[in-house]
């Protein structure tokens, strides 16, 4: 068995545990209090491993809170970030806990993210690709995009508006130089359909 030789508070308010004279890991105050540890305790290997696991899961949650304090995240995106530093089980627990606390909502995140990308003149395909990269499932992404590009909504098609804005702000000089095919190809790479590209270029050409 390992002997708990020292308990030392860290600058971050955690409790560092030293086993047999060497630092092992640290615990948050809540986990430490629940464990009822004292210097001089003899800890069996299974209990050391259990405490280490509790330490990892709590640290994963703390890291998740750090990420979420900077900006909203989709659950899948948050999970992938946490897996860079923690094991899959700890990362999954932290994501689930963040969800229980009401800090994660993939559909709300997807709506905000999609609207933000549309304001940046992204195509529908680019928006769907971005949402997938953020960990939004295909069904949710498709539903959000469907709302964003609802054909029954009054006004111009948002994707056409995005394409026309790009033509006016980024590609006007190329068009003026007679590089119409290059502009069409650039818009296609951005994910705009041929129909939208034709209409956007026709509008610019007037």
N, C-alpha and C. Protein backbone atom coordinates (compact mmCIF):
# COMPACT_ATOMS: atom_id res chain seq x y z
N UNK A 1 0.85 -1.20 0.00
CA UNK A 1 0.00 0.00 0.00
C UNK A 1 0.88 1.25 0.00
N UNK A 2 0.30 2.33 -0.49
CA UNK A 2 1.02 3.61 -0.53
C UNK A 2 0.64 4.43 0.70
N UNK A 3 1.59 5.13 1.25
CA UNK A 3 1.32 5.97 2.41
C UNK A 3 1.18 7.42 1.98
N UNK A 4 0.10 8.07 2.46
CA UNK A 4 -0.13 9.48 2.18
C UNK A 4 0.74 10.29 3.13
N UNK A 5 1.88 10.72 2.61
CA UNK A 5 2.87 11.37 3.48
C UNK A 5 2.68 12.87 3.62
N UNK A 6 2.02 13.51 2.63
CA UNK A 6 1.83 14.95 2.73
C UNK A 6 0.61 15.39 1.91
N UNK A 7 -0.09 16.37 2.44
CA UNK A 7 -1.19 17.02 1.73
C UNK A 7 -0.87 18.50 1.69
N UNK A 8 -0.81 19.05 0.50
CA UNK A 8 -0.38 20.44 0.37
C UNK A 8 -1.33 21.20 -0.55
N UNK A 9 -1.80 22.37 -0.10
CA UNK A 9 -2.70 23.18 -0.92
C UNK A 9 -1.90 23.86 -2.03
N UNK A 10 -2.45 23.83 -3.25
CA UNK A 10 -1.78 24.45 -4.38
C UNK A 10 -2.27 25.89 -4.56
N UNK A 11 -1.61 26.61 -5.45
CA UNK A 11 -1.99 28.00 -5.71
C UNK A 11 -3.39 28.09 -6.32
N UNK A 12 -3.84 27.03 -6.95
CA UNK A 12 -5.16 27.02 -7.58
C UNK A 12 -6.25 26.50 -6.65
N UNK A 13 -5.90 26.29 -5.39
CA UNK A 13 -6.90 25.85 -4.43
C UNK A 13 -7.17 24.37 -4.43
N UNK A 14 -6.35 23.60 -5.11
CA UNK A 14 -6.49 22.15 -5.08
C UNK A 14 -5.61 21.58 -3.98
N UNK A 15 -5.79 20.31 -3.67
CA UNK A 15 -5.00 19.67 -2.63
C UNK A 15 -4.08 18.64 -3.28
N UNK A 16 -2.78 18.91 -3.22
CA UNK A 16 -1.79 18.01 -3.80
C UNK A 16 -1.52 16.86 -2.83
N UNK A 17 -1.56 15.64 -3.35
CA UNK A 17 -1.30 14.46 -2.53
C UNK A 17 0.08 13.90 -2.83
N UNK A 18 0.84 13.65 -1.77
CA UNK A 18 2.17 13.06 -1.90
C UNK A 18 2.11 11.65 -1.33
N UNK A 19 2.44 10.67 -2.16
CA UNK A 19 2.43 9.28 -1.73
C UNK A 19 3.86 8.79 -1.60
N UNK A 20 4.19 8.26 -0.43
CA UNK A 20 5.55 7.78 -0.17
C UNK A 20 6.60 8.84 -0.48
N UNK A 21 6.25 10.10 -0.15
CA UNK A 21 7.19 11.20 -0.28
C UNK A 21 7.24 11.86 -1.64
N UNK A 22 6.47 11.36 -2.62
CA UNK A 22 6.50 11.94 -3.96
C UNK A 22 5.11 12.41 -4.38
N UNK A 23 5.07 13.52 -5.14
CA UNK A 23 3.79 14.04 -5.60
C UNK A 23 3.11 13.00 -6.49
N UNK A 24 1.82 12.78 -6.26
CA UNK A 24 1.06 11.80 -7.05
C UNK A 24 0.07 12.51 -7.98
N UNK A 25 -0.84 13.29 -7.39
CA UNK A 25 -1.83 14.05 -8.16
C UNK A 25 -2.52 14.99 -7.19
N UNK A 26 -3.41 15.82 -7.71
CA UNK A 26 -4.13 16.76 -6.84
C UNK A 26 -5.63 16.52 -6.96
N UNK A 27 -6.34 16.92 -5.92
CA UNK A 27 -7.80 16.79 -5.89
C UNK A 27 -8.43 18.16 -5.66
N UNK A 28 -9.64 18.35 -6.20
CA UNK A 28 -10.39 19.55 -5.88
C UNK A 28 -10.90 19.42 -4.44
N UNK A 29 -11.30 20.53 -3.87
CA UNK A 29 -11.69 20.54 -2.45
C UNK A 29 -12.86 19.61 -2.16
N UNK A 30 -13.84 19.60 -3.08
CA UNK A 30 -15.04 18.77 -2.85
C UNK A 30 -14.68 17.29 -2.83
N UNK A 31 -13.90 16.84 -3.81
CA UNK A 31 -13.50 15.44 -3.87
C UNK A 31 -12.63 15.07 -2.67
N UNK A 32 -11.75 15.99 -2.29
CA UNK A 32 -10.87 15.74 -1.15
C UNK A 32 -11.68 15.58 0.13
N UNK A 33 -12.66 16.46 0.33
CA UNK A 33 -13.48 16.39 1.54
C UNK A 33 -14.27 15.09 1.59
N UNK A 34 -14.79 14.70 0.42
CA UNK A 34 -15.58 13.48 0.35
C UNK A 34 -14.73 12.25 0.63
N UNK A 35 -13.45 12.31 0.25
CA UNK A 35 -12.56 11.16 0.45
C UNK A 35 -12.09 11.03 1.89
N UNK A 36 -12.20 12.12 2.67
CA UNK A 36 -11.81 12.11 4.09
C UNK A 36 -10.38 11.60 4.27
N UNK A 37 -9.47 12.23 3.58
CA UNK A 37 -8.07 11.81 3.63
C UNK A 37 -7.31 12.54 4.73
N UNK A 38 -6.30 11.86 5.28
CA UNK A 38 -5.44 12.46 6.31
C UNK A 38 -4.02 11.99 6.07
N UNK A 39 -3.10 12.86 6.41
CA UNK A 39 -1.70 12.45 6.31
C UNK A 39 -1.45 11.23 7.19
N UNK A 40 -0.72 10.30 6.64
CA UNK A 40 -0.44 9.07 7.37
C UNK A 40 -1.35 7.92 6.96
N UNK A 41 -2.40 8.22 6.19
CA UNK A 41 -3.31 7.16 5.73
C UNK A 41 -2.56 6.18 4.83
N UNK A 42 -2.89 4.91 4.96
CA UNK A 42 -2.37 3.89 4.06
C UNK A 42 -3.43 3.63 2.99
N UNK A 43 -3.08 3.81 1.74
CA UNK A 43 -4.05 3.70 0.66
C UNK A 43 -3.76 2.48 -0.22
N UNK A 44 -4.74 1.64 -0.37
CA UNK A 44 -4.59 0.47 -1.24
C UNK A 44 -4.53 0.92 -2.69
N UNK A 45 -3.90 0.15 -3.57
CA UNK A 45 -3.75 0.53 -4.97
C UNK A 45 -5.06 0.89 -5.65
N UNK A 46 -6.12 0.13 -5.36
CA UNK A 46 -7.39 0.40 -6.03
C UNK A 46 -7.94 1.77 -5.63
N UNK A 47 -7.69 2.17 -4.36
CA UNK A 47 -8.20 3.47 -3.91
C UNK A 47 -7.38 4.60 -4.51
N UNK A 48 -6.08 4.39 -4.62
CA UNK A 48 -5.24 5.40 -5.27
C UNK A 48 -5.71 5.63 -6.70
N UNK A 49 -5.98 4.54 -7.41
CA UNK A 49 -6.41 4.65 -8.79
C UNK A 49 -7.78 5.33 -8.89
N UNK A 50 -8.66 5.01 -7.95
CA UNK A 50 -9.99 5.63 -7.94
C UNK A 50 -9.87 7.14 -7.69
N UNK A 51 -9.02 7.52 -6.75
CA UNK A 51 -8.83 8.95 -6.48
C UNK A 51 -8.19 9.66 -7.67
N UNK A 52 -7.26 8.98 -8.33
CA UNK A 52 -6.63 9.56 -9.51
C UNK A 52 -7.68 9.78 -10.61
N UNK A 53 -8.58 8.82 -10.75
CA UNK A 53 -9.64 8.93 -11.76
C UNK A 53 -10.56 10.10 -11.43
N UNK A 54 -10.93 10.23 -10.16
CA UNK A 54 -11.77 11.36 -9.75
C UNK A 54 -11.06 12.69 -10.02
N UNK A 55 -9.76 12.69 -9.81
CA UNK A 55 -8.99 13.90 -10.09
C UNK A 55 -9.06 14.26 -11.57
N UNK A 56 -8.90 13.24 -12.42
CA UNK A 56 -8.92 13.49 -13.87
C UNK A 56 -10.28 13.99 -14.34
N UNK A 57 -11.35 13.39 -13.84
CA UNK A 57 -12.68 13.80 -14.29
C UNK A 57 -13.00 15.22 -13.85
N UNK A 58 -12.60 15.55 -12.64
CA UNK A 58 -12.86 16.91 -12.17
C UNK A 58 -12.01 17.94 -12.93
N UNK A 59 -10.76 17.59 -13.20
CA UNK A 59 -9.91 18.48 -13.97
C UNK A 59 -10.45 18.66 -15.39
N UNK A 60 -11.02 17.59 -15.93
CA UNK A 60 -11.62 17.69 -17.26
C UNK A 60 -12.81 18.64 -17.24
N UNK A 61 -13.62 18.56 -16.18
CA UNK A 61 -14.76 19.47 -16.06
C UNK A 61 -14.27 20.91 -15.91
N UNK A 62 -13.25 21.11 -15.10
CA UNK A 62 -12.70 22.47 -14.93
C UNK A 62 -12.22 23.02 -16.27
N UNK A 63 -11.57 22.17 -17.06
CA UNK A 63 -11.09 22.61 -18.37
C UNK A 63 -12.25 22.90 -19.29
N UNK A 64 -13.30 22.10 -19.20
CA UNK A 64 -14.50 22.35 -20.01
C UNK A 64 -15.10 23.70 -19.67
N UNK A 65 -15.12 24.03 -18.38
CA UNK A 65 -15.64 25.33 -17.95
C UNK A 65 -14.78 26.46 -18.51
N UNK A 66 -13.47 26.23 -18.57
CA UNK A 66 -12.58 27.24 -19.14
C UNK A 66 -12.92 27.48 -20.60
N UNK A 67 -13.09 26.39 -21.35
CA UNK A 67 -13.42 26.52 -22.77
C UNK A 67 -14.75 27.26 -22.95
N UNK A 68 -15.74 26.88 -22.14
CA UNK A 68 -17.07 27.45 -22.28
C UNK A 68 -17.13 28.90 -21.82
N UNK A 69 -16.19 29.30 -20.98
CA UNK A 69 -16.17 30.69 -20.54
C UNK A 69 -15.68 31.61 -21.66
N UNK A 70 -14.96 31.04 -22.62
CA UNK A 70 -14.45 31.82 -23.74
C UNK A 70 -15.47 31.97 -24.85
N UNK A 71 -16.20 30.89 -25.13
CA UNK A 71 -17.25 30.92 -26.15
C UNK A 71 -18.08 29.65 -26.05
N UNK A 72 -19.24 29.66 -26.72
CA UNK A 72 -20.08 28.47 -26.76
C UNK A 72 -19.37 27.36 -27.56
N UNK A 73 -19.65 26.15 -27.18
CA UNK A 73 -19.13 24.99 -27.90
C UNK A 73 -20.26 23.99 -28.14
N UNK A 74 -20.16 23.27 -29.23
CA UNK A 74 -21.02 22.11 -29.42
C UNK A 74 -20.44 20.98 -28.58
N UNK A 75 -21.27 20.02 -28.21
CA UNK A 75 -20.82 18.93 -27.35
C UNK A 75 -19.68 18.15 -27.98
N UNK A 76 -19.80 17.84 -29.27
CA UNK A 76 -18.76 17.07 -29.95
C UNK A 76 -17.45 17.81 -30.02
N UNK A 77 -17.53 19.11 -30.27
CA UNK A 77 -16.32 19.93 -30.34
C UNK A 77 -15.63 19.97 -28.98
N UNK A 78 -16.41 20.16 -27.93
CA UNK A 78 -15.86 20.21 -26.58
C UNK A 78 -15.21 18.89 -26.21
N UNK A 79 -15.87 17.80 -26.56
CA UNK A 79 -15.35 16.47 -26.27
C UNK A 79 -13.99 16.26 -26.94
N UNK A 80 -13.89 16.64 -28.22
CA UNK A 80 -12.63 16.45 -28.94
C UNK A 80 -11.50 17.28 -28.32
N UNK A 81 -11.82 18.50 -27.90
CA UNK A 81 -10.81 19.34 -27.27
C UNK A 81 -10.32 18.71 -25.96
N UNK A 82 -11.26 18.21 -25.17
CA UNK A 82 -10.89 17.62 -23.89
C UNK A 82 -10.06 16.36 -24.07
N UNK A 83 -10.35 15.62 -25.14
CA UNK A 83 -9.62 14.36 -25.38
C UNK A 83 -8.15 14.60 -25.72
N UNK A 84 -7.80 15.84 -26.05
CA UNK A 84 -6.39 16.14 -26.30
C UNK A 84 -5.56 16.07 -25.02
N UNK A 85 -6.25 16.23 -23.89
CA UNK A 85 -5.53 16.27 -22.61
C UNK A 85 -5.97 15.19 -21.63
N UNK A 86 -7.21 14.70 -21.80
CA UNK A 86 -7.75 13.72 -20.85
C UNK A 86 -8.18 12.46 -21.58
N UNK A 87 -8.36 11.38 -20.82
CA UNK A 87 -8.84 10.14 -21.43
C UNK A 87 -10.30 10.31 -21.84
N UNK A 88 -10.75 9.43 -22.73
CA UNK A 88 -12.08 9.54 -23.32
C UNK A 88 -13.19 9.51 -22.26
N UNK A 89 -13.01 8.69 -21.24
CA UNK A 89 -14.05 8.57 -20.20
C UNK A 89 -14.19 9.88 -19.41
N UNK A 90 -13.06 10.47 -19.04
CA UNK A 90 -13.10 11.73 -18.29
C UNK A 90 -13.68 12.85 -19.14
N UNK A 91 -13.29 12.88 -20.42
CA UNK A 91 -13.82 13.90 -21.33
C UNK A 91 -15.32 13.75 -21.49
N UNK A 92 -15.79 12.52 -21.67
CA UNK A 92 -17.22 12.28 -21.85
C UNK A 92 -18.00 12.68 -20.60
N UNK A 93 -17.44 12.37 -19.43
CA UNK A 93 -18.10 12.74 -18.18
C UNK A 93 -18.22 14.25 -18.06
N UNK A 94 -17.15 14.95 -18.41
CA UNK A 94 -17.17 16.42 -18.30
C UNK A 94 -18.19 17.03 -19.25
N UNK A 95 -18.27 16.49 -20.46
CA UNK A 95 -19.25 17.00 -21.43
C UNK A 95 -20.67 16.73 -20.93
N UNK A 96 -20.89 15.53 -20.42
CA UNK A 96 -22.22 15.20 -19.90
C UNK A 96 -22.60 16.10 -18.73
N UNK A 97 -21.64 16.35 -17.87
CA UNK A 97 -21.90 17.22 -16.71
C UNK A 97 -22.20 18.65 -17.15
N UNK A 98 -21.45 19.13 -18.13
CA UNK A 98 -21.70 20.47 -18.65
C UNK A 98 -23.11 20.55 -19.25
N UNK A 99 -23.53 19.47 -19.88
CA UNK A 99 -24.89 19.43 -20.42
C UNK A 99 -25.93 19.46 -19.32
N UNK A 100 -25.69 18.72 -18.25
CA UNK A 100 -26.61 18.71 -17.12
C UNK A 100 -26.74 20.09 -16.49
N UNK A 101 -25.66 20.84 -16.54
CA UNK A 101 -25.65 22.19 -15.96
C UNK A 101 -26.27 23.22 -16.90
N UNK A 102 -26.73 22.77 -18.05
CA UNK A 102 -27.37 23.67 -19.00
C UNK A 102 -26.41 24.52 -19.80
N UNK A 103 -25.16 24.08 -19.87
CA UNK A 103 -24.14 24.88 -20.56
C UNK A 103 -23.93 24.45 -22.01
N UNK A 104 -24.57 23.37 -22.40
CA UNK A 104 -24.44 22.87 -23.77
C UNK A 104 -25.81 22.66 -24.39
N UNK A 105 -25.99 23.16 -25.59
CA UNK A 105 -27.21 22.93 -26.35
C UNK A 105 -26.81 23.00 -27.82
N UNK A 106 -26.66 21.83 -28.42
CA UNK A 106 -26.14 21.77 -29.79
C UNK A 106 -27.01 22.52 -30.79
N UNK A 107 -28.33 22.43 -30.62
CA UNK A 107 -29.20 23.09 -31.60
C UNK A 107 -29.08 24.62 -31.50
N UNK A 108 -29.07 25.13 -30.28
CA UNK A 108 -28.92 26.58 -30.11
C UNK A 108 -27.56 27.04 -30.61
N UNK A 109 -26.53 26.25 -30.30
CA UNK A 109 -25.19 26.57 -30.77
C UNK A 109 -25.17 26.60 -32.30
N UNK A 110 -25.78 25.58 -32.92
CA UNK A 110 -25.77 25.49 -34.38
C UNK A 110 -26.49 26.68 -35.01
N UNK A 111 -27.59 27.11 -34.42
CA UNK A 111 -28.32 28.27 -34.97
C UNK A 111 -27.47 29.53 -34.91
N UNK A 112 -26.84 29.74 -33.76
CA UNK A 112 -26.00 30.94 -33.62
C UNK A 112 -24.80 30.89 -34.56
N UNK A 113 -24.19 29.73 -34.63
CA UNK A 113 -23.01 29.58 -35.49
C UNK A 113 -23.37 29.76 -36.96
N UNK A 114 -24.47 29.16 -37.38
CA UNK A 114 -24.89 29.27 -38.78
C UNK A 114 -25.22 30.71 -39.14
N UNK A 115 -25.92 31.41 -38.24
CA UNK A 115 -26.27 32.81 -38.50
C UNK A 115 -25.01 33.67 -38.59
N UNK A 116 -24.05 33.37 -37.74
CA UNK A 116 -22.78 34.12 -37.75
C UNK A 116 -22.05 33.89 -39.07
N UNK A 117 -22.02 32.65 -39.54
CA UNK A 117 -21.33 32.34 -40.80
C UNK A 117 -22.05 32.96 -41.99
N UNK A 118 -23.37 33.00 -41.93
CA UNK A 118 -24.11 33.63 -43.02
C UNK A 118 -23.79 35.11 -43.09
N UNK A 119 -23.65 35.75 -41.93
CA UNK A 119 -23.28 37.17 -41.91
C UNK A 119 -21.89 37.39 -42.52
N UNK A 120 -21.08 36.33 -42.49
CA UNK A 120 -19.74 36.40 -43.09
C UNK A 120 -19.77 35.96 -44.56
N UNK A 121 -20.98 35.81 -45.10
CA UNK A 121 -21.18 35.51 -46.52
C UNK A 121 -20.71 34.10 -46.91
N UNK A 122 -20.89 33.16 -46.00
CA UNK A 122 -20.55 31.78 -46.30
C UNK A 122 -21.70 31.11 -47.05
N UNK A 123 -21.36 30.13 -47.87
CA UNK A 123 -22.39 29.40 -48.60
C UNK A 123 -23.04 28.37 -47.68
N UNK A 124 -24.15 27.82 -48.14
CA UNK A 124 -24.82 26.79 -47.35
C UNK A 124 -23.91 25.59 -47.13
N UNK A 125 -23.18 25.20 -48.16
CA UNK A 125 -22.29 24.05 -48.03
C UNK A 125 -21.18 24.33 -47.02
N UNK A 126 -20.63 25.54 -47.05
CA UNK A 126 -19.58 25.90 -46.08
C UNK A 126 -20.13 25.87 -44.67
N UNK A 127 -21.35 26.33 -44.49
CA UNK A 127 -21.96 26.34 -43.15
C UNK A 127 -22.15 24.92 -42.65
N UNK A 128 -22.64 24.04 -43.51
CA UNK A 128 -22.84 22.65 -43.11
C UNK A 128 -21.51 21.98 -42.78
N UNK A 129 -20.48 22.27 -43.55
CA UNK A 129 -19.16 21.70 -43.28
C UNK A 129 -18.61 22.20 -41.94
N UNK A 130 -18.82 23.48 -41.67
CA UNK A 130 -18.35 24.05 -40.42
C UNK A 130 -19.07 23.42 -39.23
N UNK A 131 -20.37 23.27 -39.33
CA UNK A 131 -21.13 22.68 -38.23
C UNK A 131 -20.69 21.24 -37.98
N UNK A 132 -20.42 20.52 -39.06
CA UNK A 132 -19.94 19.14 -38.90
C UNK A 132 -18.59 19.13 -38.19
N UNK A 133 -17.73 20.08 -38.55
CA UNK A 133 -16.41 20.17 -37.92
C UNK A 133 -16.52 20.51 -36.44
N UNK A 134 -17.60 21.21 -36.06
CA UNK A 134 -17.82 21.57 -34.66
C UNK A 134 -18.48 20.45 -33.88
N UNK A 135 -18.77 19.34 -34.55
CA UNK A 135 -19.37 18.21 -33.86
C UNK A 135 -20.88 18.17 -33.87
N UNK A 136 -21.51 19.00 -34.70
CA UNK A 136 -22.97 18.98 -34.81
C UNK A 136 -23.38 17.83 -35.71
N UNK A 137 -24.34 17.02 -35.27
CA UNK A 137 -24.75 15.88 -36.08
C UNK A 137 -25.47 16.35 -37.35
N UNK A 138 -25.47 15.50 -38.35
CA UNK A 138 -25.97 15.87 -39.67
C UNK A 138 -27.44 16.29 -39.64
N UNK A 139 -28.25 15.60 -38.84
CA UNK A 139 -29.68 15.91 -38.78
C UNK A 139 -29.91 17.31 -38.21
N UNK A 140 -29.22 17.64 -37.12
CA UNK A 140 -29.37 18.96 -36.51
C UNK A 140 -28.89 20.04 -37.46
N UNK A 141 -27.74 19.81 -38.10
CA UNK A 141 -27.18 20.79 -39.04
C UNK A 141 -28.14 21.03 -40.20
N UNK A 142 -28.73 19.96 -40.73
CA UNK A 142 -29.66 20.10 -41.85
C UNK A 142 -30.91 20.87 -41.43
N UNK A 143 -31.39 20.62 -40.22
CA UNK A 143 -32.58 21.31 -39.74
C UNK A 143 -32.31 22.81 -39.57
N UNK A 144 -31.17 23.13 -39.01
CA UNK A 144 -30.80 24.54 -38.81
C UNK A 144 -30.63 25.24 -40.15
N UNK A 145 -29.95 24.58 -41.08
CA UNK A 145 -29.76 25.17 -42.40
C UNK A 145 -31.10 25.36 -43.10
N UNK A 146 -31.99 24.40 -42.91
CA UNK A 146 -33.31 24.51 -43.52
C UNK A 146 -34.07 25.72 -43.02
N UNK A 147 -33.92 26.02 -41.74
CA UNK A 147 -34.55 27.21 -41.16
C UNK A 147 -33.92 28.48 -41.72
N UNK A 148 -32.60 28.44 -41.86
CA UNK A 148 -31.86 29.62 -42.31
C UNK A 148 -32.18 29.95 -43.77
N UNK A 149 -32.37 28.89 -44.55
CA UNK A 149 -32.63 29.08 -45.98
C UNK A 149 -34.06 28.71 -46.34
N UNK A 150 -34.98 28.98 -45.44
CA UNK A 150 -36.39 28.66 -45.65
C UNK A 150 -36.90 29.37 -46.90
N UNK A 151 -37.35 28.62 -47.92
CA UNK A 151 -37.81 29.25 -49.16
C UNK A 151 -39.08 30.08 -48.99
N UNK A 152 -39.80 29.85 -47.90
CA UNK A 152 -41.03 30.61 -47.67
C UNK A 152 -40.77 31.97 -47.02
N UNK A 153 -39.52 32.20 -46.61
CA UNK A 153 -39.18 33.48 -45.99
C UNK A 153 -39.16 34.58 -47.04
N UNK A 154 -39.69 35.72 -46.69
CA UNK A 154 -39.71 36.83 -47.64
C UNK A 154 -38.30 37.37 -47.88
N UNK A 155 -38.13 37.97 -49.06
CA UNK A 155 -36.84 38.56 -49.38
C UNK A 155 -35.99 37.64 -50.24
N UNK A 156 -34.80 38.11 -50.57
CA UNK A 156 -33.90 37.38 -51.45
C UNK A 156 -33.33 36.15 -50.75
N UNK A 157 -33.06 35.13 -51.54
CA UNK A 157 -32.42 33.92 -51.03
C UNK A 157 -31.12 34.31 -50.31
N UNK A 158 -30.95 33.94 -49.03
CA UNK A 158 -29.76 34.33 -48.28
C UNK A 158 -28.45 33.90 -48.97
N UNK A 159 -28.48 32.76 -49.64
CA UNK A 159 -27.26 32.30 -50.29
C UNK A 159 -26.92 33.18 -51.49
N UNK A 160 -27.93 33.62 -52.20
CA UNK A 160 -27.69 34.53 -53.32
C UNK A 160 -27.17 35.87 -52.80
N UNK A 161 -27.74 36.33 -51.71
CA UNK A 161 -27.26 37.58 -51.11
C UNK A 161 -25.80 37.47 -50.73
N UNK A 162 -25.42 36.33 -50.14
CA UNK A 162 -24.02 36.11 -49.75
C UNK A 162 -23.11 36.12 -50.97
N UNK A 163 -23.54 35.44 -52.03
CA UNK A 163 -22.72 35.38 -53.25
C UNK A 163 -22.59 36.75 -53.89
N UNK A 164 -23.68 37.49 -53.93
CA UNK A 164 -23.64 38.84 -54.53
C UNK A 164 -22.73 39.76 -53.72
N UNK A 165 -22.78 39.64 -52.41
CA UNK A 165 -21.93 40.48 -51.57
C UNK A 165 -20.46 40.16 -51.81
N UNK A 166 -20.14 38.89 -51.92
CA UNK A 166 -18.76 38.50 -52.19
C UNK A 166 -18.29 39.04 -53.54
N UNK A 167 -19.16 38.96 -54.53
CA UNK A 167 -18.81 39.47 -55.86
C UNK A 167 -18.49 40.95 -55.79
N UNK A 168 -19.33 41.70 -55.09
CA UNK A 168 -19.15 43.15 -55.01
C UNK A 168 -17.94 43.55 -54.18
N UNK A 169 -17.68 42.81 -53.08
CA UNK A 169 -16.62 43.23 -52.16
C UNK A 169 -15.25 42.60 -52.43
N UNK A 170 -15.25 41.39 -53.03
CA UNK A 170 -13.98 40.70 -53.17
C UNK A 170 -13.57 40.44 -54.61
N UNK A 171 -14.54 40.34 -55.49
CA UNK A 171 -14.21 39.91 -56.84
C UNK A 171 -14.50 40.94 -57.93
N UNK A 172 -14.93 42.12 -57.55
CA UNK A 172 -15.28 43.13 -58.56
C UNK A 172 -14.10 43.48 -59.46
N UNK A 173 -12.91 43.60 -58.85
CA UNK A 173 -11.75 43.97 -59.66
C UNK A 173 -11.38 42.89 -60.66
N UNK A 174 -11.55 41.64 -60.26
CA UNK A 174 -11.27 40.54 -61.20
C UNK A 174 -12.27 40.54 -62.34
N UNK A 175 -13.52 40.79 -62.00
CA UNK A 175 -14.54 40.83 -63.05
C UNK A 175 -14.27 41.99 -64.00
N UNK A 176 -13.88 43.11 -63.43
CA UNK A 176 -13.58 44.28 -64.27
C UNK A 176 -12.41 44.00 -65.20
N UNK A 177 -11.53 43.07 -64.78
CA UNK A 177 -10.37 42.71 -65.61
C UNK A 177 -10.71 41.59 -66.58
N UNK A 178 -11.97 41.21 -66.63
CA UNK A 178 -12.40 40.18 -67.57
C UNK A 178 -12.17 38.75 -67.11
N UNK A 179 -11.96 38.56 -65.80
CA UNK A 179 -11.68 37.22 -65.28
C UNK A 179 -12.94 36.56 -64.71
N UNK A 180 -13.95 36.55 -65.51
CA UNK A 180 -15.25 36.02 -65.06
C UNK A 180 -15.16 34.55 -64.67
N UNK A 181 -14.45 33.75 -65.47
CA UNK A 181 -14.35 32.32 -65.20
C UNK A 181 -13.62 32.05 -63.88
N UNK A 182 -12.60 32.86 -63.61
CA UNK A 182 -11.87 32.69 -62.35
C UNK A 182 -12.77 32.99 -61.15
N UNK A 183 -13.58 34.02 -61.27
CA UNK A 183 -14.50 34.38 -60.19
C UNK A 183 -15.53 33.28 -59.99
N UNK A 184 -16.06 32.77 -61.09
CA UNK A 184 -17.06 31.69 -61.00
C UNK A 184 -16.44 30.47 -60.31
N UNK A 185 -15.20 30.16 -60.65
CA UNK A 185 -14.52 29.01 -60.05
C UNK A 185 -14.29 29.25 -58.56
N UNK A 186 -13.92 30.47 -58.20
CA UNK A 186 -13.69 30.80 -56.78
C UNK A 186 -14.97 30.64 -55.98
N UNK A 187 -16.07 31.10 -56.55
CA UNK A 187 -17.35 30.97 -55.85
C UNK A 187 -17.77 29.51 -55.74
N UNK A 188 -17.47 28.74 -56.76
CA UNK A 188 -17.80 27.31 -56.72
C UNK A 188 -17.01 26.61 -55.62
N UNK A 189 -15.74 26.99 -55.47
CA UNK A 189 -14.93 26.39 -54.41
C UNK A 189 -15.47 26.75 -53.03
N UNK A 190 -16.12 27.87 -52.94
CA UNK A 190 -16.74 28.28 -51.67
C UNK A 190 -18.05 27.55 -51.41
N UNK A 191 -18.49 26.77 -52.36
CA UNK A 191 -19.68 25.96 -52.15
C UNK A 191 -20.97 26.48 -52.74
N UNK A 192 -20.91 27.57 -53.49
CA UNK A 192 -22.13 28.10 -54.10
C UNK A 192 -22.51 27.27 -55.32
N UNK A 193 -23.80 27.11 -55.54
CA UNK A 193 -24.28 26.33 -56.68
C UNK A 193 -24.08 27.12 -57.96
N UNK A 194 -24.09 26.40 -59.08
CA UNK A 194 -23.91 27.06 -60.38
C UNK A 194 -25.03 28.06 -60.64
N UNK A 195 -26.24 27.72 -60.21
CA UNK A 195 -27.38 28.62 -60.43
C UNK A 195 -27.18 29.93 -59.67
N UNK A 196 -26.75 29.82 -58.43
CA UNK A 196 -26.51 31.02 -57.61
C UNK A 196 -25.37 31.84 -58.20
N UNK A 197 -24.32 31.16 -58.65
CA UNK A 197 -23.18 31.87 -59.23
C UNK A 197 -23.60 32.64 -60.47
N UNK A 198 -24.36 31.98 -61.34
CA UNK A 198 -24.82 32.65 -62.57
C UNK A 198 -25.63 33.89 -62.23
N UNK A 199 -26.53 33.77 -61.25
CA UNK A 199 -27.40 34.88 -60.92
C UNK A 199 -26.61 36.02 -60.26
N UNK A 200 -25.64 35.67 -59.41
CA UNK A 200 -24.84 36.68 -58.75
C UNK A 200 -23.98 37.46 -59.75
N UNK A 201 -23.42 36.74 -60.71
CA UNK A 201 -22.60 37.39 -61.73
C UNK A 201 -23.45 38.24 -62.68
N UNK A 202 -24.61 37.74 -63.00
CA UNK A 202 -25.53 38.49 -63.87
C UNK A 202 -25.95 39.79 -63.19
N UNK A 203 -26.18 39.73 -61.88
CA UNK A 203 -26.58 40.94 -61.15
C UNK A 203 -25.47 41.97 -61.17
N UNK A 204 -24.23 41.50 -61.04
CA UNK A 204 -23.10 42.44 -61.06
C UNK A 204 -22.93 43.06 -62.44
N UNK A 205 -23.11 42.25 -63.46
CA UNK A 205 -22.93 42.70 -64.83
C UNK A 205 -24.05 43.61 -65.29
N UNK A 206 -25.15 43.51 -64.55
CA UNK A 206 -26.23 44.45 -64.68
C UNK A 206 -27.08 44.45 -65.83
